[in-house]
Every structure is written in C-alpha cells, then in structure tokens.
Amino acid sequence: MSFGSQLKEALSQKSNELKRELETDISSVGDNLESTAKKAVFIVGAIVAAAFVIRLLAPKAKKVKVNTAGGGQELMVINEPENGIVSMIKGAIATFLLNLAKERIMNFLEELNARQAIAKEQEKE
C-alpha cells in the first residue's frame, strides 16, 4: 500500500468517526429539546389548571345595568355575599388542589433532573 492510499484511508476513517459523533450530538440536542419542551408543556398545563380551579372557586360577581337619572346606562358589579362555610370549603379545595399540583410538578422535575444526571454520568463513561 502506498503512503497516499494509507493517508486516504486514515482520513476516510476519521471522517466517518466525526460524522457519527456529529449525528450523536445532533440526536442528543434533539432529545434535550424534546425533554425541555415536555417540561414546559407540563408546567404550563399545571399553571393553567390551577388558574382554572381558582377561577371556578372564586366568588362570582354579578354585572347589572342601571339606568341613570340622565337616561344613560351604567354597568355596576355586585359581589354577592357567600356563605362562610361554602367559602371555607372552596378555600380548602383550592388549597388542596394547588398543593397537589405543586407536588406533582416537583416530583416531575426531580425525576427529570435525576434522569439528566444519569445521562450525563453515562456520557462521561
């Protein structure tokens, strides 16, 4: 074998090796992006669900149109009083659901961080 063909073979092998490493890096970037997107969707979903629950449990305001002395109409917002027991129950439900959502989010993030730590350790090996 001549020196030129040996050099060509060595360069070809190095090129193939670099190509595989690049494909691996691109794949890991895609996996990290997917993981981050899933985290974001999960967290946003939990926040939206919590906001929805709070909105459902919050006291309702009643809007009433009132005729004024000048012949125009004015919009008044009247907060209807709520029974104290009902208010306490709604507060307890909201607190329970928000704590449950918080625990789920924390567990999800801890699990995700543990998986990422394991993946980083495996990459080092």
Foldseek 3Di string as FASTA:
>chain_A
DDPVVVVVVVVVVVVVVVVVVVVVVVVVVVVVVVLVVVLVVLVVVLVVVLVVLCVVLDFDWDWDWDQDPVRDIDIDIHGDDDDPVSNVVSVVVSVVSNVVSVVVSVVVVVVVVVVVVVVVVVVVD
